[in-house]
C-alpha atoms as a PDB file:
ATOM      1  CA  MET A   1      34.441 -41.020  37.669  1.00  0.00           C
ATOM      2  CA  LEU A   2      31.786 -43.640  38.185  1.00  0.00           C
ATOM      3  CA  SER A   3      28.259 -42.707  37.205  1.00  0.00           C
ATOM      4  CA  ARG A   4      25.649 -42.429  39.947  1.00  0.00           C
ATOM      5  CA  ARG A   5      22.219 -44.000  40.217  1.00  0.00           C
ATOM      6  CA  ASP A   6      19.151 -42.859  42.077  1.00  0.00           C
ATOM      7  CA  VAL A   7      18.870 -44.502  45.477  1.00  0.00           C
ATOM      8  CA  LEU A   8      15.653 -46.344  46.179  1.00  0.00           C
ATOM      9  CA  ALA A   9      13.791 -45.648  49.416  1.00  0.00           C
ATOM     10  CA  VAL A  10      11.992 -48.676  50.797  1.00  0.00           C
ATOM     11  CA  GLY A  11       9.210 -48.793  53.350  1.00  0.00           C
ATOM     12  CA  LEU A  12       7.557 -52.196  53.177  1.00  0.00           C
ATOM     13  CA  ALA A  13       6.604 -54.642  55.928  1.00  0.00           C
ATOM     14  CA  THR A  14       7.935 -58.195  56.028  1.00  0.00           C
ATOM     15  CA  VAL A  15       7.892 -61.318  58.143  1.00  0.00           C
ATOM     16  CA  ALA A  16      10.780 -63.699  58.836  1.00  0.00           C
ATOM     17  CA  GLY A  17      10.613 -67.229  57.498  1.00  0.00           C
ATOM     18  CA  LEU A  18       8.287 -66.579  54.563  1.00  0.00           C
ATOM     19  CA  THR A  19       7.908 -69.323  51.970  1.00  0.00           C
ATOM     20  CA  LEU A  20       9.444 -68.248  48.693  1.00  0.00           C
ATOM     21  CA  PHE A  21       7.829 -70.527  46.106  1.00  0.00           C
ATOM     22  CA  SER A  22       4.452 -72.187  45.850  1.00  0.00           C
ATOM     23  CA  ALA A  23       4.652 -75.941  45.326  1.00  0.00           C
ATOM     24  CA  ASP A  24       1.761 -75.871  42.827  1.00  0.00           C
ATOM     25  CA  ASP A  25       3.361 -73.258  40.567  1.00  0.00           C
ATOM     26  CA  SER A  26       6.401 -75.119  39.272  1.00  0.00           C
ATOM     27  CA  ALA A  27       6.903 -73.023  36.110  1.00  0.00           C
ATOM     28  CA  ALA A  28       7.016 -69.769  38.069  1.00  0.00           C
ATOM     29  CA  ALA A  29       9.182 -71.395  40.725  1.00  0.00           C
ATOM     30  CA  GLN A  30      11.724 -72.569  38.162  1.00  0.00           C
ATOM     31  CA  MET A  31      11.857 -69.151  36.529  1.00  0.00           C
ATOM     32  CA  SER A  32      12.263 -67.420  39.867  1.00  0.00           C
ATOM     33  CA  THR A  33      14.906 -69.883  40.994  1.00  0.00           C
ATOM     34  CA  LYS A  34      16.982 -69.177  37.912  1.00  0.00           C
ATOM     35  CA  GLU A  35      16.678 -65.423  38.284  1.00  0.00           C
ATOM     36  CA  ILE A  36      17.436 -65.383  41.985  1.00  0.00           C
ATOM     37  CA  PHE A  37      20.003 -68.150  42.395  1.00  0.00           C
ATOM     38  CA  PHE A  38      21.661 -68.294  38.982  1.00  0.00           C
ATOM     39  CA  ASP A  39      21.950 -64.747  37.659  1.00  0.00           C
ATOM     40  CA  LYS A  40      24.952 -64.988  35.341  1.00  0.00           C
ATOM     41  CA  ASP A  41      26.205 -61.528  36.335  1.00  0.00           C
ATOM     42  CA  ALA A  42      25.934 -61.900  40.125  1.00  0.00           C
ATOM     43  CA  PRO A  43      29.211 -62.671  41.931  1.00  0.00           C
ATOM     44  CA  VAL A  44      29.461 -66.173  43.390  1.00  0.00           C
ATOM     45  CA  LEU A  45      31.765 -67.259  46.216  1.00  0.00           C
ATOM     46  CA  GLY A  46      32.017 -70.517  48.154  1.00  0.00           C
ATOM     47  CA  ASN A  47      31.556 -73.671  46.094  1.00  0.00           C
ATOM     48  CA  PRO A  48      30.247 -72.699  42.611  1.00  0.00           C
ATOM     49  CA  LYS A  49      28.788 -76.204  42.300  1.00  0.00           C
ATOM     50  CA  GLY A  50      27.354 -76.356  45.809  1.00  0.00           C
ATOM     51  CA  SER A  51      24.082 -78.174  46.382  1.00  0.00           C
ATOM     52  CA  VAL A  52      22.653 -75.284  48.411  1.00  0.00           C
ATOM     53  CA  THR A  53      22.661 -71.621  47.395  1.00  0.00           C
ATOM     54  CA  VAL A  54      22.693 -68.772  49.908  1.00  0.00           C
ATOM     55  CA  VAL A  55      21.758 -65.400  48.432  1.00  0.00           C
ATOM     56  CA  GLU A  56      22.567 -62.273  50.431  1.00  0.00           C
ATOM     57  CA  TYR A  57      21.204 -58.804  49.635  1.00  0.00           C
ATOM     58  CA  PHE A  58      23.578 -56.316  51.238  1.00  0.00           C
ATOM     59  CA  ASP A  59      24.909 -52.765  51.364  1.00  0.00           C
ATOM     60  CA  TYR A  60      28.529 -51.799  52.002  1.00  0.00           C
ATOM     61  CA  GLN A  61      27.416 -49.116  54.462  1.00  0.00           C
ATOM     62  CA  CYS A  62      25.269 -51.511  56.477  1.00  0.00           C
ATOM     63  CA  PRO A  63      26.994 -52.159  59.819  1.00  0.00           C
ATOM     64  CA  TYR A  64      25.087 -55.406  60.298  1.00  0.00           C
ATOM     65  CA  CYS A  65      26.203 -56.717  56.900  1.00  0.00           C
ATOM     66  CA  LYS A  66      29.808 -55.990  57.814  1.00  0.00           C
ATOM     67  CA  SER A  67      29.670 -57.317  61.377  1.00  0.00           C
ATOM     68  CA  SER A  68      28.054 -60.604  60.300  1.00  0.00           C
ATOM     69  CA  HIS A  69      30.199 -61.120  57.196  1.00  0.00           C
ATOM     70  CA  ALA A  70      32.890 -63.138  58.984  1.00  0.00           C
ATOM     71  CA  ALA A  71      30.321 -65.606  60.348  1.00  0.00           C
ATOM     72  CA  LEU A  72      28.772 -65.975  56.897  1.00  0.00           C
ATOM     73  CA  LYS A  73      32.161 -66.742  55.345  1.00  0.00           C
ATOM     74  CA  LYS A  74      32.980 -69.178  58.134  1.00  0.00           C
ATOM     75  CA  VAL A  75      29.761 -71.151  57.690  1.00  0.00           C
ATOM     76  CA  VAL A  76      30.104 -71.301  53.906  1.00  0.00           C
ATOM     77  CA  ALA A  77      33.740 -72.401  54.076  1.00  0.00           C
ATOM     78  CA  ALA A  78      33.130 -74.998  56.789  1.00  0.00           C
ATOM     79  CA  ASP A  79      30.195 -76.516  54.921  1.00  0.00           C
ATOM     80  CA  GLY A  80      32.059 -76.775  51.619  1.00  0.00           C
ATOM     81  CA  ASP A  81      28.907 -77.431  49.589  1.00  0.00           C
ATOM     82  CA  VAL A  82      27.333 -73.973  49.540  1.00  0.00           C
ATOM     83  CA  ARG A  83      27.189 -71.409  46.730  1.00  0.00           C
ATOM     84  CA  LEU A  84      27.195 -67.867  48.108  1.00  0.00           C
ATOM     85  CA  VAL A  85      25.577 -65.371  45.738  1.00  0.00           C
ATOM     86  CA  LEU A  86      26.185 -61.763  46.712  1.00  0.00           C
ATOM     87  CA  LYS A  87      23.643 -59.203  45.527  1.00  0.00           C
ATOM     88  CA  ASP A  88      24.351 -55.519  46.009  1.00  0.00           C
ATOM     89  CA  TRP A  89      21.305 -53.621  47.221  1.00  0.00           C
ATOM     90  CA  PRO A  90      22.690 -50.111  47.821  1.00  0.00           C
ATOM     91  CA  ILE A  91      19.920 -48.351  49.751  1.00  0.00           C
ATOM     92  CA  LEU A  92      21.887 -46.229  52.221  1.00  0.00           C
ATOM     93  CA  GLY A  93      22.911 -43.336  50.014  1.00  0.00           C
ATOM     94  CA  ASP A  94      25.165 -42.265  47.178  1.00  0.00           C
ATOM     95  CA  ALA A  95      28.285 -43.769  48.769  1.00  0.00           C
ATOM     96  CA  SER A  96      26.578 -47.167  48.802  1.00  0.00           C
ATOM     97  CA  VAL A  97      25.823 -46.887  45.091  1.00  0.00           C
ATOM     98  CA  PHE A  98      29.377 -45.757  44.374  1.00  0.00           C
ATOM     99  CA  ALA A  99      30.803 -48.658  46.390  1.00  0.00           C
ATOM    100  CA  ALA A 100      28.577 -51.221  44.679  1.00  0.00           C
ATOM    101  CA  GLN A 101      29.516 -49.968  41.226  1.00  0.00           C
ATOM    102  CA  ALA A 102      33.215 -49.916  42.084  1.00  0.00           C
ATOM    103  CA  VAL A 103      33.252 -53.499  43.387  1.00  0.00           C
ATOM    104  CA  LEU A 104      31.169 -54.781  40.495  1.00  0.00           C
ATOM    105  CA  GLY A 105      33.670 -53.027  38.238  1.00  0.00           C
ATOM    106  CA  ALA A 106      36.437 -54.912  40.040  1.00  0.00           C
ATOM    107  CA  ALA A 107      34.536 -58.120  39.296  1.00  0.00           C
ATOM    108  CA  GLN A 108      34.815 -57.398  35.589  1.00  0.00           C
ATOM    109  CA  ILE A 109      38.603 -57.442  35.815  1.00  0.00           C
ATOM    110  CA  GLY A 110      38.857 -60.500  38.068  1.00  0.00           C
ATOM    111  CA  HIS A 111      39.235 -58.773  41.445  1.00  0.00           C
ATOM    112  CA  TYR A 112      35.802 -59.079  43.015  1.00  0.00           C
ATOM    113  CA  GLU A 113      36.682 -60.835  46.267  1.00  0.00           C
ATOM    114  CA  PRO A 114      39.576 -58.591  47.374  1.00  0.00           C
ATOM    115  CA  ALA A 115      37.515 -55.496  46.561  1.00  0.00           C
ATOM    116  CA  MET A 116      34.450 -56.806  48.401  1.00  0.00           C
ATOM    117  CA  GLU A 117      36.496 -57.852  51.428  1.00  0.00           C
ATOM    118  CA  ALA A 118      38.243 -54.473  51.561  1.00  0.00           C
ATOM    119  CA  LEU A 119      34.924 -52.650  51.862  1.00  0.00           C
ATOM    120  CA  MET A 120      33.479 -55.194  54.285  1.00  0.00           C
ATOM    121  CA  LYS A 121      36.365 -54.338  56.627  1.00  0.00           C
ATOM    122  CA  THR A 122      35.499 -50.636  56.717  1.00  0.00           C
ATOM    123  CA  ARG A 123      33.664 -49.172  59.684  1.00  0.00           C
ATOM    124  CA  GLY A 124      30.877 -46.642  59.906  1.00  0.00           C
ATOM    125  CA  ARG A 125      29.398 -44.496  57.178  1.00  0.00           C
ATOM    126  CA  LEU A 126      31.398 -44.304  53.977  1.00  0.00           C
ATOM    127  CA  SER A 127      32.334 -41.454  51.688  1.00  0.00           C
ATOM    128  CA  GLN A 128      33.496 -41.747  48.110  1.00  0.00           C
ATOM    129  CA  SER A 129      37.052 -40.957  49.189  1.00  0.00           C
ATOM    130  CA  GLN A 130      36.942 -43.708  51.846  1.00  0.00           C
ATOM    131  CA  VAL A 131      35.773 -46.218  49.245  1.00  0.00           C
ATOM    132  CA  GLU A 132      38.603 -45.159  46.952  1.00  0.00           C
ATOM    133  CA  LYS A 133      41.156 -45.448  49.771  1.00  0.00           C
ATOM    134  CA  ALA A 134      39.973 -48.915  50.822  1.00  0.00           C
ATOM    135  CA  LEU A 135      40.135 -50.220  47.260  1.00  0.00           C
ATOM    136  CA  ALA A 136      43.504 -48.609  46.635  1.00  0.00           C
ATOM    137  CA  GLY A 137      44.715 -50.593  49.654  1.00  0.00           C
ATOM    138  CA  VAL A 138      44.222 -53.804  47.667  1.00  0.00           C
ATOM    139  CA  GLY A 139      45.805 -52.411  44.518  1.00  0.00           C
ATOM    140  CA  LEU A 140      42.660 -51.200  42.737  1.00  0.00           C
ATOM    141  CA  THR A 141      42.857 -47.623  41.472  1.00  0.00           C
ATOM    142  CA  MET A 142      39.894 -45.519  40.443  1.00  0.00           C
ATOM    143  CA  GLU A 143      41.341 -45.332  36.945  1.00  0.00           C
ATOM    144  CA  MET A 144      41.160 -49.127  36.661  1.00  0.00           C
ATOM    145  CA  LEU A 145      37.714 -49.362  38.179  1.00  0.00           C
ATOM    146  CA  SER A 146      36.211 -46.441  36.276  1.00  0.00           C
ATOM    147  CA  ALA A 147      37.379 -47.972  33.014  1.00  0.00           C
ATOM    148  CA  ALA A 148      35.850 -51.331  33.963  1.00  0.00           C
ATOM    149  CA  VAL A 149      32.554 -49.747  35.050  1.00  0.00           C
ATOM    150  CA  ASN A 150      32.298 -47.585  31.950  1.00  0.00           C
ATOM    151  CA  GLU A 151      33.000 -50.551  29.685  1.00  0.00           C
ATOM    152  CA  ASN A 152      30.409 -52.689  31.464  1.00  0.00           C
ATOM    153  CA  ASN A 153      27.947 -50.006  32.500  1.00  0.00           C
ATOM    154  CA  SER A 154      24.884 -51.643  30.941  1.00  0.00           C
ATOM    155  CA  LYS A 155      25.625 -55.000  32.578  1.00  0.00           C
ATOM    156  CA  ILE A 156      26.256 -53.490  36.014  1.00  0.00           C
ATOM    157  CA  SER A 157      23.205 -51.206  35.887  1.00  0.00           C
ATOM    158  CA  ALA A 158      20.960 -54.071  34.785  1.00  0.00           C
ATOM    159  CA  LEU A 159      22.250 -56.283  37.599  1.00  0.00           C
ATOM    160  CA  LEU A 160      21.581 -53.602  40.215  1.00  0.00           C
ATOM    161  CA  ASP A 161      18.105 -53.091  38.763  1.00  0.00           C
ATOM    162  CA  ARG A 162      17.383 -56.820  39.030  1.00  0.00           C
ATOM    163  CA  ASN A 163      18.647 -56.881  42.596  1.00  0.00           C
ATOM    164  CA  TYR A 164      16.366 -53.957  43.492  1.00  0.00           C
ATOM    165  CA  SER A 165      13.353 -55.611  41.899  1.00  0.00           C
ATOM    166  CA  GLN A 166      13.957 -58.899  43.671  1.00  0.00           C
ATOM    167  CA  ALA A 167      14.431 -57.248  47.065  1.00  0.00           C
ATOM    168  CA  LEU A 168      11.169 -55.374  46.611  1.00  0.00           C
ATOM    169  CA  SER A 169       9.387 -58.551  45.553  1.00  0.00           C
ATOM    170  CA  PHE A 170      10.444 -60.177  48.826  1.00  0.00           C
ATOM    171  CA  ASN A 171       9.281 -57.089  50.767  1.00  0.00           C
ATOM    172  CA  PHE A 172      12.728 -56.749  52.302  1.00  0.00           C
ATOM    173  CA  VAL A 173      13.038 -53.534  54.295  1.00  0.00           C
ATOM    174  CA  GLY A 174      16.772 -53.523  54.953  1.00  0.00           C
ATOM    175  CA  THR A 175      20.082 -55.274  54.767  1.00  0.00           C
ATOM    176  CA  PRO A 176      21.257 -57.909  55.191  1.00  0.00           C
ATOM    177  CA  SER A 177      18.464 -60.114  53.891  1.00  0.00           C
ATOM    178  CA  PHE A 178      18.777 -63.679  52.648  1.00  0.00           C
ATOM    179  CA  VAL A 179      17.163 -66.222  50.389  1.00  0.00           C
ATOM    180  CA  ILE A 180      18.128 -69.791  51.267  1.00  0.00           C
ATOM    181  CA  GLY A 181      16.348 -72.694  49.633  1.00  0.00           C
ATOM    182  CA  LYS A 182      12.626 -71.910  49.505  1.00  0.00           C
ATOM    183  CA  ASP A 183      12.674 -69.485  52.417  1.00  0.00           C
ATOM    184  CA  VAL A 184      13.498 -65.819  52.868  1.00  0.00           C
ATOM    185  CA  TYR A 185      15.238 -64.471  55.955  1.00  0.00           C
ATOM    186  CA  PRO A 186      15.082 -60.701  56.444  1.00  0.00           C
ATOM    187  CA  GLY A 187      17.703 -59.443  58.872  1.00  0.00           C
ATOM    188  CA  VAL A 188      20.924 -60.726  60.382  1.00  0.00           C
ATOM    189  CA  LEU A 189      21.366 -64.490  60.735  1.00  0.00           C
ATOM    190  CA  SER A 190      23.583 -65.855  63.481  1.00  0.00           C
ATOM    191  CA  GLU A 191      26.066 -68.608  62.715  1.00  0.00           C
ATOM    192  CA  LYS A 192      23.648 -71.183  64.124  1.00  0.00           C
ATOM    193  CA  ALA A 193      20.696 -69.721  62.217  1.00  0.00           C
ATOM    194  CA  LEU A 194      22.675 -69.865  58.978  1.00  0.00           C
ATOM    195  CA  LYS A 195      23.578 -73.485  59.568  1.00  0.00           C
ATOM    196  CA  ASP A 196      19.965 -74.331  60.372  1.00  0.00           C
ATOM    197  CA  ALA A 197      18.708 -72.557  57.237  1.00  0.00           C
ATOM    198  CA  ILE A 198      21.219 -74.397  55.065  1.00  0.00           C
ATOM    199  CA  LYS A 199      20.264 -77.708  56.670  1.00  0.00           C
ATOM    200  CA  LEU A 200      16.591 -76.992  56.030  1.00  0.00           C
ATOM    201  CA  ALA A 201      17.288 -76.097  52.382  1.00  0.00           C
ATOM    202  CA  ARG A 202      19.319 -79.249  51.887  1.00  0.00           C
ATOM    203  CA  ALA A 203      16.555 -81.393  53.362  1.00  0.00           C
END
């Protein structure tokens, strides 16, 4: 079976619309931009060469992540010039960690999007068996995924660690949370708010 990680409990305050990078600290800004927007192991959807990058920190058990996912996909597809970087931040229990590992395992064998979409379509709290059933519905068995996770365990664990560290650095307190351009957006973004954030980043 997939290995399990300790789940991080977060209790930090945050404010919407915070500025991400300081204009007078270009070296730090460039380093942070690379780490946040261009992590080589983080799954990317939308236009890989898009001029604007939207980063979402999410949890497969988060009802708000799942209910707003369709709007996020719609905005990214309609724009056509947006990179969507999806960063697992499993903070809602063991099932969240299990789900994140399983889908990142699917990414290693070229099946990230169907696996991610299958879990985004689930409702309510998840159990390990529900995760397995949802992924089996798109042709991904636990044997396949366990093998992929075990083979890439160091890469997947390091990615989840980086995601955790970044979320804490932004003082995010829950999912979904976004980084778009030089601004952070904790909480759900409506379709209009997403479009406005992308427009602001592009400007």
